[in-house]
Amino acid sequence: MSRFTALACVVAASAATLAACGSSYDPGYAKRPRFATSAPLVNAKKDPTFLAYAVPESDLHLFPATRSAEFAVHGIDVSKYQGDIDWEQVKESGVAFAFIKATEGGDKADSRFQYNWAAAKAAGVPRGAYHFVYWCRPPHEEIANFASVVPHESDALPPVLDVEPTPESRSCKRTLYREEAIRDMRIMLEAMERHYGKKPIIYSSVDFYQAILQPDALSEYPIWVRSTKYHPKVRYGDRKWTFWQYRSDGRVPGIVGAVDQNTFNGSFEQWRGWLGSTTGMHAHPVAAAPKQLDERAANKLIEDDPAMLKGVDKGAYEKDAPAAAVPTPPAGIEGQPDKG
């Protein structure tokens, strides 16, 4: 999912100001500051407010991201960067759900959303849409863009608000304070819920969570967390999560190249109940499909913060890569792929 927009928090002159800003902890400080208030801590690992490690460091080996294999229900999230997806193969591989990028900011739409939205449904893959927040547009413009692109369908998963920092953004230099970010998020989440009649899901990267959302901001909304090196317990403490993005370099039949992989926090029976209550759909058993075990060794687990990875595309507002040829929808699917 991770396509980025700018985020920083103003430099504080005192400890009180720093605490109010909420971004004094930053696991990536040693490489480069992620928020303007990021400052070296005297002993980060022992500072109780430093959530990079919410379990004792001596126990980190007990919480690898490969523990995702312990969960029963797995899915993916995609955008135009996954290219031409064969959704029938995706379904047959055991993928139980998919989140599809729809929009970014106040005027950007993913060029493959319409195709992916229709083709995933035709293949029988429960799917939802997500909006990537661009912090330099008013909240009402962001959600108006999302609502103009994503249909109101009762069998869709709840909409998702994707919140992440992009310190390298060239087009958005707005400095965010914690209270302002939460205020804008609340406006967007409430607008999504009014329009679609479903409580939205928040997707958050590790650094955004630790600077803005921790420990319980907007906890009335389900949260989808990213942690590709550790189990969420390490990065998000006791925050209850609904979905976990545990891998960004996964391989799934029907998709050429890497794709984000996710799991639902619960058993198959709990998934059946959640899916039925939010979409009215019946969850088909996936036990017969090959179980998607995570074969990564410890040295293959990547850094949690995607913005710190070299060579990652920064999203439509940074360098909108040319889209590949748009595929022809399967027979029986209404709606042509978006050409924009």
C-alpha atoms as a PDB file:
ATOM      1  CA  MET A   1       0.000   0.000   0.000  1.00  0.00           C
ATOM      2  CA  SER A   2       2.592   2.438   1.151  1.00  0.00           C
ATOM      3  CA  ARG A   3       2.635   5.442  -1.182  1.00  0.00           C
ATOM      4  CA  PHE A   4       3.715   8.493   0.720  1.00  0.00           C
ATOM      5  CA  THR A   5       2.854  12.111   1.474  1.00  0.00           C
ATOM      6  CA  ALA A   6       4.636  14.666   3.634  1.00  0.00           C
ATOM      7  CA  LEU A   7       4.485  14.586   7.397  1.00  0.00           C
ATOM      8  CA  ALA A   8       6.564  16.265  10.085  1.00  0.00           C
ATOM      9  CA  CYS A   9       5.996  17.675  13.550  1.00  0.00           C
ATOM     10  CA  VAL A  10       7.358  21.068  14.680  1.00  0.00           C
ATOM     11  CA  VAL A  11      10.542  21.264  16.769  1.00  0.00           C
ATOM     12  CA  ALA A  12       9.670  21.688  20.437  1.00  0.00           C
ATOM     13  CA  ALA A  13      11.556  23.966  22.768  1.00  0.00           C
ATOM     14  CA  SER A  14      10.673  22.160  25.960  1.00  0.00           C
ATOM     15  CA  ALA A  15       9.892  18.674  27.188  1.00  0.00           C
ATOM     16  CA  ALA A  16       6.263  19.629  27.745  1.00  0.00           C
ATOM     17  CA  THR A  17       5.922  20.908  24.223  1.00  0.00           C
ATOM     18  CA  LEU A  18       7.620  17.803  22.900  1.00  0.00           C
ATOM     19  CA  ALA A  19       5.232  15.540  24.799  1.00  0.00           C
ATOM     20  CA  ALA A  20       2.222  17.462  23.544  1.00  0.00           C
ATOM     21  CA  CYS A  21       3.440  17.101  19.986  1.00  0.00           C
ATOM     22  CA  GLY A  22       3.624  13.376  20.475  1.00  0.00           C
ATOM     23  CA  SER A  23       6.579  12.600  18.262  1.00  0.00           C
ATOM     24  CA  SER A  24       9.627  12.418  20.472  1.00  0.00           C
ATOM     25  CA  TYR A  25      10.151   8.744  19.668  1.00  0.00           C
ATOM     26  CA  ASP A  26      11.516   7.735  16.332  1.00  0.00           C
ATOM     27  CA  PRO A  27      13.071   4.336  15.557  1.00  0.00           C
ATOM     28  CA  GLY A  28      14.645   5.747  12.400  1.00  0.00           C
ATOM     29  CA  TYR A  29      16.470   8.668  13.989  1.00  0.00           C
ATOM     30  CA  ALA A  30      19.894   7.082  13.620  1.00  0.00           C
ATOM     31  CA  LYS A  31      19.463   7.141   9.838  1.00  0.00           C
ATOM     32  CA  ARG A  32      17.668  10.469   9.486  1.00  0.00           C
ATOM     33  CA  PRO A  33      14.896  12.256  11.386  1.00  0.00           C
ATOM     34  CA  ARG A  34      11.384  11.303  10.352  1.00  0.00           C
ATOM     35  CA  PHE A  35       9.654  14.081  12.290  1.00  0.00           C
ATOM     36  CA  ALA A  36      10.975  17.531  13.088  1.00  0.00           C
ATOM     37  CA  THR A  37      10.807  16.783  16.805  1.00  0.00           C
ATOM     38  CA  SER A  38      12.808  13.583  16.497  1.00  0.00           C
ATOM     39  CA  ALA A  39      15.706  13.910  18.888  1.00  0.00           C
ATOM     40  CA  PRO A  40      18.169  11.369  20.224  1.00  0.00           C
ATOM     41  CA  LEU A  41      16.967   9.798  23.456  1.00  0.00           C
ATOM     42  CA  VAL A  42      19.455   9.153  26.226  1.00  0.00           C
ATOM     43  CA  ASN A  43      18.477   5.511  26.335  1.00  0.00           C
ATOM     44  CA  ALA A  44      15.772   4.867  23.774  1.00  0.00           C
ATOM     45  CA  LYS A  45      15.343   1.184  24.531  1.00  0.00           C
ATOM     46  CA  LYS A  46      14.575   1.909  28.202  1.00  0.00           C
ATOM     47  CA  ASP A  47      12.461   5.018  27.675  1.00  0.00           C
ATOM     48  CA  PRO A  48       8.839   3.952  28.438  1.00  0.00           C
ATOM     49  CA  THR A  49       7.492   6.327  25.793  1.00  0.00           C
ATOM     50  CA  PHE A  50       9.652   4.843  23.057  1.00  0.00           C
ATOM     51  CA  LEU A  51       7.423   2.292  21.355  1.00  0.00           C
ATOM     52  CA  ALA A  52       9.895   0.961  18.830  1.00  0.00           C
ATOM     53  CA  TYR A  53      10.086  -2.075  21.089  1.00  0.00           C
ATOM     54  CA  ALA A  54       7.013  -2.652  23.231  1.00  0.00           C
ATOM     55  CA  VAL A  55       8.407  -5.969  24.450  1.00  0.00           C
ATOM     56  CA  PRO A  56      11.760  -6.506  26.191  1.00  0.00           C
ATOM     57  CA  GLU A  57      14.611  -6.467  23.712  1.00  0.00           C
ATOM     58  CA  SER A  58      15.701  -9.864  24.999  1.00  0.00           C
ATOM     59  CA  ASP A  59      12.346 -11.279  23.804  1.00  0.00           C
ATOM     60  CA  LEU A  60      12.363  -9.806  20.298  1.00  0.00           C
ATOM     61  CA  HIS A  61      13.306 -13.154  18.789  1.00  0.00           C
ATOM     62  CA  LEU A  62       9.916 -14.461  19.947  1.00  0.00           C
ATOM     63  CA  PHE A  63       8.033 -11.942  17.815  1.00  0.00           C
ATOM     64  CA  PRO A  64       9.187 -12.206  14.179  1.00  0.00           C
ATOM     65  CA  ALA A  65       6.884 -11.136  11.368  1.00  0.00           C
ATOM     66  CA  THR A  66       6.905 -14.759  10.229  1.00  0.00           C
ATOM     67  CA  ARG A  67       4.432 -15.435  13.045  1.00  0.00           C
ATOM     68  CA  SER A  68       1.877 -14.252  10.505  1.00  0.00           C
ATOM     69  CA  ALA A  69       1.728 -17.929   9.472  1.00  0.00           C
ATOM     70  CA  GLU A  70      -0.086 -18.616  12.751  1.00  0.00           C
ATOM     71  CA  PHE A  71      -3.166 -16.821  11.427  1.00  0.00           C
ATOM     72  CA  ALA A  72      -5.813 -18.530   9.319  1.00  0.00           C
ATOM     73  CA  VAL A  73      -7.001 -15.789   6.958  1.00  0.00           C
ATOM     74  CA  HIS A  74      -4.652 -14.003   4.571  1.00  0.00           C
ATOM     75  CA  GLY A  75      -5.130 -11.317   1.948  1.00  0.00           C
ATOM     76  CA  ILE A  76      -3.353  -8.707  -0.173  1.00  0.00           C
ATOM     77  CA  ASP A  77      -3.432  -5.009  -0.980  1.00  0.00           C
ATOM     78  CA  VAL A  78      -2.751  -3.740  -4.479  1.00  0.00           C
ATOM     79  CA  SER A  79      -2.504  -0.673  -6.670  1.00  0.00           C
ATOM     80  CA  LYS A  80      -1.533   0.063 -10.267  1.00  0.00           C
ATOM     81  CA  TYR A  81       2.017  -0.994  -9.414  1.00  0.00           C
ATOM     82  CA  GLN A  82       0.945  -4.649  -9.393  1.00  0.00           C
ATOM     83  CA  GLY A  83       0.102  -4.341 -13.088  1.00  0.00           C
ATOM     84  CA  ASP A  84      -2.183  -6.840 -14.804  1.00  0.00           C
ATOM     85  CA  ILE A  85      -3.653  -9.065 -12.073  1.00  0.00           C
ATOM     86  CA  ASP A  86      -5.252 -12.426 -12.816  1.00  0.00           C
ATOM     87  CA  TRP A  87      -7.875 -12.346 -10.075  1.00  0.00           C
ATOM     88  CA  GLU A  88      -9.045 -15.898 -10.730  1.00  0.00           C
ATOM     89  CA  GLN A  89      -5.549 -17.186  -9.928  1.00  0.00           C
ATOM     90  CA  VAL A  90      -5.398 -14.903  -6.900  1.00  0.00           C
ATOM     91  CA  LYS A  91      -8.635 -16.390  -5.603  1.00  0.00           C
ATOM     92  CA  GLU A  92      -7.494 -19.964  -6.241  1.00  0.00           C
ATOM     93  CA  SER A  93      -4.241 -19.335  -4.359  1.00  0.00           C
ATOM     94  CA  GLY A  94      -6.151 -18.928  -1.105  1.00  0.00           C
ATOM     95  CA  VAL A  95      -6.311 -15.123  -0.885  1.00  0.00           C
ATOM     96  CA  ALA A  96      -9.344 -14.358   1.283  1.00  0.00           C
ATOM     97  CA  PHE A  97      -9.559 -10.570   0.826  1.00  0.00           C
ATOM     98  CA  ALA A  98      -8.016  -7.645  -1.013  1.00  0.00           C
ATOM     99  CA  PHE A  99      -7.726  -3.932  -0.389  1.00  0.00           C
ATOM    100  CA  ILE A 100      -7.398  -1.900  -3.583  1.00  0.00           C
ATOM    101  CA  LYS A 101      -6.002   1.604  -3.906  1.00  0.00           C
ATOM    102  CA  ALA A 102      -8.647   3.983  -5.222  1.00  0.00           C
ATOM    103  CA  THR A 103      -7.527   7.564  -4.669  1.00  0.00           C
ATOM    104  CA  GLU A 104      -4.845   9.878  -3.325  1.00  0.00           C
ATOM    105  CA  GLY A 105      -5.339  13.433  -2.167  1.00  0.00           C
ATOM    106  CA  GLY A 106      -8.038  15.614  -3.666  1.00  0.00           C
ATOM    107  CA  ASP A 107      -7.731  14.714  -7.349  1.00  0.00           C
ATOM    108  CA  LYS A 108      -5.669  11.571  -7.966  1.00  0.00           C
ATOM    109  CA  ALA A 109      -7.228   8.204  -8.834  1.00  0.00           C
ATOM    110  CA  ASP A 110      -5.390   4.924  -9.269  1.00  0.00           C
ATOM    111  CA  SER A 111      -5.474   4.079 -12.967  1.00  0.00           C
ATOM    112  CA  ARG A 112      -6.297   0.401 -12.346  1.00  0.00           C
ATOM    113  CA  PHE A 113      -8.862   0.796  -9.604  1.00  0.00           C
ATOM    114  CA  GLN A 114     -11.970   0.333 -11.738  1.00  0.00           C
ATOM    115  CA  TYR A 115     -10.596  -2.801 -13.342  1.00  0.00           C
ATOM    116  CA  ASN A 116      -9.324  -4.315 -10.086  1.00  0.00           C
ATOM    117  CA  TRP A 117     -12.558  -3.460  -8.296  1.00  0.00           C
ATOM    118  CA  ALA A 118     -14.710  -5.208 -10.888  1.00  0.00           C
ATOM    119  CA  ALA A 119     -12.372  -8.136 -11.595  1.00  0.00           C
ATOM    120  CA  ALA A 120     -11.857  -8.975  -7.909  1.00  0.00           C
ATOM    121  CA  LYS A 121     -15.612  -9.091  -7.391  1.00  0.00           C
ATOM    122  CA  ALA A 122     -16.094 -11.266 -10.475  1.00  0.00           C
ATOM    123  CA  ALA A 123     -13.526 -13.715  -9.082  1.00  0.00           C
ATOM    124  CA  GLY A 124     -15.278 -13.804  -5.716  1.00  0.00           C
ATOM    125  CA  VAL A 125     -12.564 -12.048  -3.714  1.00  0.00           C
ATOM    126  CA  PRO A 126     -14.026  -9.802  -0.971  1.00  0.00           C
ATOM    127  CA  ARG A 127     -12.530  -6.371  -1.584  1.00  0.00           C
ATOM    128  CA  GLY A 128     -12.373  -2.902  -0.135  1.00  0.00           C
ATOM    129  CA  ALA A 129     -10.954   0.428  -1.311  1.00  0.00           C
ATOM    130  CA  TYR A 130      -8.418   2.683   0.320  1.00  0.00           C
ATOM    131  CA  HIS A 131      -7.610   6.378   0.128  1.00  0.00           C
ATOM    132  CA  PHE A 132      -4.076   7.672   0.611  1.00  0.00           C
ATOM    133  CA  VAL A 133      -4.069  10.972   2.511  1.00  0.00           C
ATOM    134  CA  TYR A 134      -2.214  13.923   1.003  1.00  0.00           C
ATOM    135  CA  TRP A 135      -1.897  16.370   3.864  1.00  0.00           C
ATOM    136  CA  CYS A 136      -1.992  19.523   1.731  1.00  0.00           C
ATOM    137  CA  ARG A 137      -5.622  19.198   0.637  1.00  0.00           C
ATOM    138  CA  PRO A 138      -8.667  19.974   2.829  1.00  0.00           C
ATOM    139  CA  PRO A 139     -10.284  16.844   4.323  1.00  0.00           C
ATOM    140  CA  HIS A 140     -13.583  17.376   2.510  1.00  0.00           C
ATOM    141  CA  GLU A 141     -11.810  17.479  -0.868  1.00  0.00           C
ATOM    142  CA  GLU A 142      -9.979  14.241  -0.093  1.00  0.00           C
ATOM    143  CA  ILE A 143     -13.137  12.313   0.732  1.00  0.00           C
ATOM    144  CA  ALA A 144     -15.094  13.899  -2.117  1.00  0.00           C
ATOM    145  CA  ASN A 145     -12.428  12.497  -4.439  1.00  0.00           C
ATOM    146  CA  PHE A 146     -12.723   9.046  -2.853  1.00  0.00           C
ATOM    147  CA  ALA A 147     -16.534   9.070  -2.995  1.00  0.00           C
ATOM    148  CA  SER A 148     -16.473  10.098  -6.660  1.00  0.00           C
ATOM    149  CA  VAL A 149     -14.381   7.048  -7.556  1.00  0.00           C
ATOM    150  CA  VAL A 150     -15.464   4.263  -5.187  1.00  0.00           C
ATOM    151  CA  PRO A 151     -19.021   2.932  -5.665  1.00  0.00           C
ATOM    152  CA  HIS A 152     -21.383   2.531  -2.730  1.00  0.00           C
ATOM    153  CA  GLU A 153     -21.777  -1.258  -2.625  1.00  0.00           C
ATOM    154  CA  SER A 154     -23.138  -3.185   0.330  1.00  0.00           C
ATOM    155  CA  ASP A 155     -20.842  -6.174  -0.258  1.00  0.00           C
ATOM    156  CA  ALA A 156     -17.628  -4.111  -0.150  1.00  0.00           C
ATOM    157  CA  LEU A 157     -15.271  -4.210   2.801  1.00  0.00           C
ATOM    158  CA  PRO A 158     -15.209  -1.021   4.908  1.00  0.00           C
ATOM    159  CA  PRO A 159     -13.330   1.902   3.328  1.00  0.00           C
ATOM    160  CA  VAL A 160      -9.769   2.535   4.485  1.00  0.00           C
ATOM    161  CA  LEU A 161      -7.982   5.787   5.320  1.00  0.00           C
ATOM    162  CA  ASP A 162      -4.247   5.323   4.694  1.00  0.00           C
ATOM    163  CA  VAL A 163      -2.156   7.692   6.843  1.00  0.00           C
ATOM    164  CA  GLU A 164       1.627   7.823   6.477  1.00  0.00           C
ATOM    165  CA  PRO A 165       4.433  10.400   6.486  1.00  0.00           C
ATOM    166  CA  THR A 166       6.454  11.373   3.438  1.00  0.00           C
ATOM    167  CA  PRO A 167       9.370  13.494   4.592  1.00  0.00           C
ATOM    168  CA  GLU A 168      10.760  13.682   1.052  1.00  0.00           C
ATOM    169  CA  SER A 169       7.650  15.140  -0.571  1.00  0.00           C
ATOM    170  CA  ARG A 170       8.450  17.983  -2.943  1.00  0.00           C
ATOM    171  CA  SER A 171       4.888  19.240  -3.261  1.00  0.00           C
ATOM    172  CA  CYS A 172       3.589  19.253   0.313  1.00  0.00           C
ATOM    173  CA  LYS A 173       5.671  20.987   2.978  1.00  0.00           C
ATOM    174  CA  ARG A 174       2.927  21.323   5.580  1.00  0.00           C
ATOM    175  CA  THR A 175       4.066  20.648   9.125  1.00  0.00           C
ATOM    176  CA  LEU A 176       1.578  18.590  11.078  1.00  0.00           C
ATOM    177  CA  TYR A 177       0.849  18.775  14.759  1.00  0.00           C
ATOM    178  CA  ARG A 178      -0.622  15.700  16.427  1.00  0.00           C
ATOM    179  CA  GLU A 179      -3.917  17.384  17.292  1.00  0.00           C
ATOM    180  CA  GLU A 180      -4.315  18.789  13.778  1.00  0.00           C
ATOM    181  CA  ALA A 181      -3.633  15.433  12.138  1.00  0.00           C
ATOM    182  CA  ILE A 182      -6.132  13.660  14.380  1.00  0.00           C
ATOM    183  CA  ARG A 183      -8.711  16.394  13.768  1.00  0.00           C
ATOM    184  CA  ASP A 184      -8.376  16.093   9.985  1.00  0.00           C
ATOM    185  CA  MET A 185      -8.474  12.309  10.186  1.00  0.00           C
ATOM    186  CA  ARG A 186     -11.657  12.411  12.241  1.00  0.00           C
ATOM    187  CA  ILE A 187     -13.325  14.660   9.670  1.00  0.00           C
ATOM    188  CA  MET A 188     -12.396  12.241   6.876  1.00  0.00           C
ATOM    189  CA  LEU A 189     -13.358   9.116   8.804  1.00  0.00           C
ATOM    190  CA  GLU A 190     -16.746  10.531   9.771  1.00  0.00           C
ATOM    191  CA  ALA A 191     -17.392  11.589   6.169  1.00  0.00           C
ATOM    192  CA  MET A 192     -16.512   8.087   4.945  1.00  0.00           C
ATOM    193  CA  GLU A 193     -18.856   6.509   7.470  1.00  0.00           C
ATOM    194  CA  ARG A 194     -21.734   8.820   6.565  1.00  0.00           C
ATOM    195  CA  HIS A 195     -21.334   8.094   2.867  1.00  0.00           C
ATOM    196  CA  TYR A 196     -20.761   4.329   2.968  1.00  0.00           C
ATOM    197  CA  GLY A 197     -22.628   3.401   6.138  1.00  0.00           C
ATOM    198  CA  LYS A 198     -19.655   1.428   7.490  1.00  0.00           C
ATOM    199  CA  LYS A 199     -17.088   2.327  10.114  1.00  0.00           C
ATOM    200  CA  PRO A 200     -13.831   2.939   8.204  1.00  0.00           C
ATOM    201  CA  ILE A 201     -10.508   1.285   8.904  1.00  0.00           C
ATOM    202  CA  ILE A 202      -7.326   3.258   9.619  1.00  0.00           C
ATOM    203  CA  TYR A 203      -4.130   2.029   7.945  1.00  0.00           C
ATOM    204  CA  SER A 204      -1.011   3.342   9.681  1.00  0.00           C
ATOM    205  CA  SER A 205       2.711   2.934   9.214  1.00  0.00           C
ATOM    206  CA  VAL A 206       4.854   2.402  12.295  1.00  0.00           C
ATOM    207  CA  ASP A 207       6.313   5.895  12.429  1.00  0.00           C
ATOM    208  CA  PHE A 208       2.955   7.620  11.943  1.00  0.00           C
ATOM    209  CA  TYR A 209       1.424   5.521  14.687  1.00  0.00           C
ATOM    210  CA  GLN A 210       4.208   6.224  17.145  1.00  0.00           C
ATOM    211  CA  ALA A 211       4.214   9.958  16.422  1.00  0.00           C
ATOM    212  CA  ILE A 212       0.501  10.647  16.041  1.00  0.00           C
ATOM    213  CA  LEU A 213      -1.827   7.796  17.041  1.00  0.00           C
ATOM    214  CA  GLN A 214      -0.200   6.049  19.974  1.00  0.00           C
ATOM    215  CA  PRO A 215      -1.407   4.869  22.375  1.00  0.00           C
ATOM    216  CA  ASP A 216      -5.155   5.126  21.731  1.00  0.00           C
ATOM    217  CA  ALA A 217      -6.032   8.055  19.447  1.00  0.00           C
ATOM    218  CA  LEU A 218      -9.089   7.252  17.308  1.00  0.00           C
ATOM    219  CA  SER A 219      -9.239   3.815  18.909  1.00  0.00           C
ATOM    220  CA  GLU A 220     -12.950   3.641  18.168  1.00  0.00           C
ATOM    221  CA  TYR A 221     -11.962   2.788  14.589  1.00  0.00           C
ATOM    222  CA  PRO A 222     -10.470  -0.561  13.515  1.00  0.00           C
ATOM    223  CA  ILE A 223      -6.780  -0.283  12.698  1.00  0.00           C
ATOM    224  CA  TRP A 224      -4.729  -2.017  10.024  1.00  0.00           C
ATOM    225  CA  VAL A 225      -1.067  -1.990  11.041  1.00  0.00           C
ATOM    226  CA  ARG A 226       2.152  -2.408   9.093  1.00  0.00           C
ATOM    227  CA  SER A 227       5.077  -4.319  10.582  1.00  0.00           C
ATOM    228  CA  THR A 228       7.255  -6.337   8.241  1.00  0.00           C
ATOM    229  CA  LYS A 229       9.965  -7.270  10.720  1.00  0.00           C
ATOM    230  CA  TYR A 230       8.081  -7.942  13.944  1.00  0.00           C
ATOM    231  CA  HIS A 231       4.705  -9.056  15.209  1.00  0.00           C
ATOM    232  CA  PRO A 232       2.482  -5.984  15.845  1.00  0.00           C
ATOM    233  CA  LYS A 233       2.958  -6.473  19.591  1.00  0.00           C
ATOM    234  CA  VAL A 234       6.495  -5.132  19.208  1.00  0.00           C
ATOM    235  CA  ARG A 235       5.655  -1.951  17.293  1.00  0.00           C
ATOM    236  CA  TYR A 236       2.102  -1.196  18.434  1.00  0.00           C
ATOM    237  CA  GLY A 237       2.058  -2.448  22.007  1.00  0.00           C
ATOM    238  CA  ASP A 238      -1.392  -3.440  23.258  1.00  0.00           C
ATOM    239  CA  ARG A 239      -3.290  -1.574  20.533  1.00  0.00           C
ATOM    240  CA  LYS A 240      -5.933  -3.963  19.224  1.00  0.00           C
ATOM    241  CA  TRP A 241      -5.565  -4.473  15.481  1.00  0.00           C
ATOM    242  CA  THR A 242      -7.882  -5.951  12.848  1.00  0.00           C
ATOM    243  CA  PHE A 243      -5.497  -6.390   9.908  1.00  0.00           C
ATOM    244  CA  TRP A 244      -1.717  -6.729   9.822  1.00  0.00           C
ATOM    245  CA  GLN A 245       0.426  -6.010   6.750  1.00  0.00           C
ATOM    246  CA  TYR A 246       3.311  -8.343   7.461  1.00  0.00           C
ATOM    247  CA  ARG A 247       5.096  -8.440   4.132  1.00  0.00           C
ATOM    248  CA  SER A 248       5.771  -6.122   1.197  1.00  0.00           C
ATOM    249  CA  ASP A 249       7.762  -8.558  -0.927  1.00  0.00           C
ATOM    250  CA  GLY A 250       5.266 -11.418  -1.075  1.00  0.00           C
ATOM    251  CA  ARG A 251       4.570 -13.601  -4.070  1.00  0.00           C
ATOM    252  CA  VAL A 252       1.021 -14.596  -5.011  1.00  0.00           C
ATOM    253  CA  PRO A 253      -0.090 -16.560  -8.108  1.00  0.00           C
ATOM    254  CA  GLY A 254      -1.778 -14.235 -10.577  1.00  0.00           C
ATOM    255  CA  ILE A 255       0.465 -11.272  -9.746  1.00  0.00           C
ATOM    256  CA  VAL A 256       3.799 -10.657 -11.447  1.00  0.00           C
ATOM    257  CA  GLY A 257       6.303  -9.268  -8.964  1.00  0.00           C
ATOM    258  CA  ALA A 258       6.020  -8.367  -5.309  1.00  0.00           C
ATOM    259  CA  VAL A 259       2.789  -7.659  -3.471  1.00  0.00           C
ATOM    260  CA  ASP A 260       1.860  -6.662   0.073  1.00  0.00           C
ATOM    261  CA  GLN A 261       0.487  -9.515   2.152  1.00  0.00           C
ATOM    262  CA  ASN A 262      -1.815  -9.169   5.147  1.00  0.00           C
ATOM    263  CA  THR A 263      -3.610 -11.259   7.717  1.00  0.00           C
ATOM    264  CA  PHE A 264      -6.871 -10.910   9.650  1.00  0.00           C
ATOM    265  CA  ASN A 265      -6.601 -10.967  13.421  1.00  0.00           C
ATOM    266  CA  GLY A 266      -8.687 -14.021  14.223  1.00  0.00           C
ATOM    267  CA  SER A 267      -9.732 -17.530  13.323  1.00  0.00           C
ATOM    268  CA  PHE A 268     -11.635 -18.472  10.203  1.00  0.00           C
ATOM    269  CA  GLU A 269     -14.862 -18.525  12.203  1.00  0.00           C
ATOM    270  CA  GLN A 270     -14.155 -15.014  13.462  1.00  0.00           C
ATOM    271  CA  TRP A 271     -13.419 -13.934   9.901  1.00  0.00           C
ATOM    272  CA  ARG A 272     -16.711 -15.449   8.762  1.00  0.00           C
ATOM    273  CA  GLY A 273     -18.535 -13.440  11.429  1.00  0.00           C
ATOM    274  CA  TRP A 274     -16.693 -10.201  10.689  1.00  0.00           C
ATOM    275  CA  LEU A 275     -17.155 -10.492   6.932  1.00  0.00           C
ATOM    276  CA  GLY A 276     -20.844 -11.303   7.298  1.00  0.00           C
ATOM    277  CA  SER A 277     -21.479  -8.390   9.647  1.00  0.00           C
ATOM    278  CA  THR A 278     -19.678  -5.843   7.462  1.00  0.00           C
ATOM    279  CA  THR A 279     -20.589  -7.019   3.956  1.00  0.00           C
ATOM    280  CA  GLY A 280     -23.330  -9.618   4.193  1.00  0.00           C
ATOM    281  CA  MET A 281     -21.047 -11.989   2.291  1.00  0.00           C
ATOM    282  CA  HIS A 282     -20.475 -15.620   3.166  1.00  0.00           C
ATOM    283  CA  ALA A 283     -16.825 -16.471   3.729  1.00  0.00           C
ATOM    284  CA  HIS A 284     -15.757 -19.464   1.684  1.00  0.00           C
ATOM    285  CA  PRO A 285     -13.418 -21.902   3.431  1.00  0.00           C
ATOM    286  CA  VAL A 286      -9.797 -21.488   2.387  1.00  0.00           C
ATOM    287  CA  ALA A 287      -8.415 -24.568   4.114  1.00  0.00           C
ATOM    288  CA  ALA A 288      -8.220 -26.474   0.832  1.00  0.00           C
ATOM    289  CA  ALA A 289      -5.951 -23.844  -0.690  1.00  0.00           C
ATOM    290  CA  PRO A 290      -2.181 -23.978  -0.121  1.00  0.00           C
ATOM    291  CA  LYS A 291      -1.412 -22.326   3.196  1.00  0.00           C
ATOM    292  CA  GLN A 292       0.578 -19.149   2.673  1.00  0.00           C
ATOM    293  CA  LEU A 293       3.479 -19.761   5.000  1.00  0.00           C
ATOM    294  CA  ASP A 294       6.106 -17.075   5.370  1.00  0.00           C
ATOM    295  CA  GLU A 295       9.419 -18.642   4.454  1.00  0.00           C
ATOM    296  CA  ARG A 296      11.599 -15.622   5.248  1.00  0.00           C
ATOM    297  CA  ALA A 297      14.612 -16.144   7.464  1.00  0.00           C
ATOM    298  CA  ALA A 298      15.534 -13.554  10.092  1.00  0.00           C
ATOM    299  CA  ASN A 299      18.004 -11.865   7.763  1.00  0.00           C
ATOM    300  CA  LYS A 300      15.304 -11.438   5.108  1.00  0.00           C
ATOM    301  CA  LEU A 301      12.911  -9.453   7.312  1.00  0.00           C
ATOM    302  CA  ILE A 302      12.932  -5.869   6.063  1.00  0.00           C
ATOM    303  CA  GLU A 303      12.680  -2.541   7.882  1.00  0.00           C
ATOM    304  CA  ASP A 304       9.167  -1.626   9.002  1.00  0.00           C
ATOM    305  CA  ASP A 305       9.263   1.906   7.669  1.00  0.00           C
ATOM    306  CA  PRO A 306       8.891   1.794   3.873  1.00  0.00           C
ATOM    307  CA  ALA A 307       9.961   5.405   3.484  1.00  0.00           C
ATOM    308  CA  MET A 308      13.415   4.385   4.667  1.00  0.00           C
ATOM    309  CA  LEU A 309      13.849   1.836   1.893  1.00  0.00           C
ATOM    310  CA  LYS A 310      15.836   2.966  -1.119  1.00  0.00           C
ATOM    311  CA  GLY A 311      14.197   2.737  -4.493  1.00  0.00           C
ATOM    312  CA  VAL A 312      10.606   2.748  -3.236  1.00  0.00           C
ATOM    313  CA  ASP A 313       8.239   4.750  -5.403  1.00  0.00           C
ATOM    314  CA  LYS A 314       6.951   7.697  -3.432  1.00  0.00           C
ATOM    315  CA  GLY A 315       3.486   7.785  -4.954  1.00  0.00           C
ATOM    316  CA  ALA A 316       1.599   9.763  -7.531  1.00  0.00           C
ATOM    317  CA  TYR A 317       2.494  13.138  -6.057  1.00  0.00           C
ATOM    318  CA  GLU A 318       6.205  12.418  -6.120  1.00  0.00           C
ATOM    319  CA  LYS A 319       6.896  10.703  -9.428  1.00  0.00           C
ATOM    320  CA  ASP A 320       3.916   9.207 -11.129  1.00  0.00           C
ATOM    321  CA  ALA A 321       5.436   6.306 -13.016  1.00  0.00           C
ATOM    322  CA  PRO A 322       3.970   5.501 -16.426  1.00  0.00           C
ATOM    323  CA  ALA A 323       1.235   2.935 -16.053  1.00  0.00           C
ATOM    324  CA  ALA A 324       1.538  -0.284 -17.972  1.00  0.00           C
ATOM    325  CA  ALA A 325      -1.046  -1.246 -20.561  1.00  0.00           C
ATOM    326  CA  VAL A 326      -4.476  -1.533 -18.951  1.00  0.00           C
ATOM    327  CA  PRO A 327      -5.890  -5.066 -19.249  1.00  0.00           C
ATOM    328  CA  THR A 328      -9.214  -5.964 -20.779  1.00  0.00           C
ATOM    329  CA  PRO A 329     -11.798  -6.842 -18.104  1.00  0.00           C
ATOM    330  CA  PRO A 330     -13.015 -10.446 -17.984  1.00  0.00           C
ATOM    331  CA  ALA A 331     -16.280 -11.167 -19.734  1.00  0.00           C
ATOM    332  CA  GLY A 332     -19.295 -10.098 -17.734  1.00  0.00           C
ATOM    333  CA  ILE A 333     -17.569  -7.273 -15.849  1.00  0.00           C
ATOM    334  CA  GLU A 334     -19.131  -3.885 -16.270  1.00  0.00           C
ATOM    335  CA  GLY A 335     -16.977  -0.801 -16.325  1.00  0.00           C
ATOM    336  CA  GLN A 336     -13.782  -0.260 -18.243  1.00  0.00           C
ATOM    337  CA  PRO A 337     -10.437   0.350 -16.537  1.00  0.00           C
ATOM    338  CA  ASP A 338      -9.735   3.957 -15.691  1.00  0.00           C
ATOM    339  CA  LYS A 339      -7.536   5.500 -18.376  1.00  0.00           C
ATOM    340  CA  GLY A 340      -6.421   8.391 -16.200  1.00  0.00           C
END
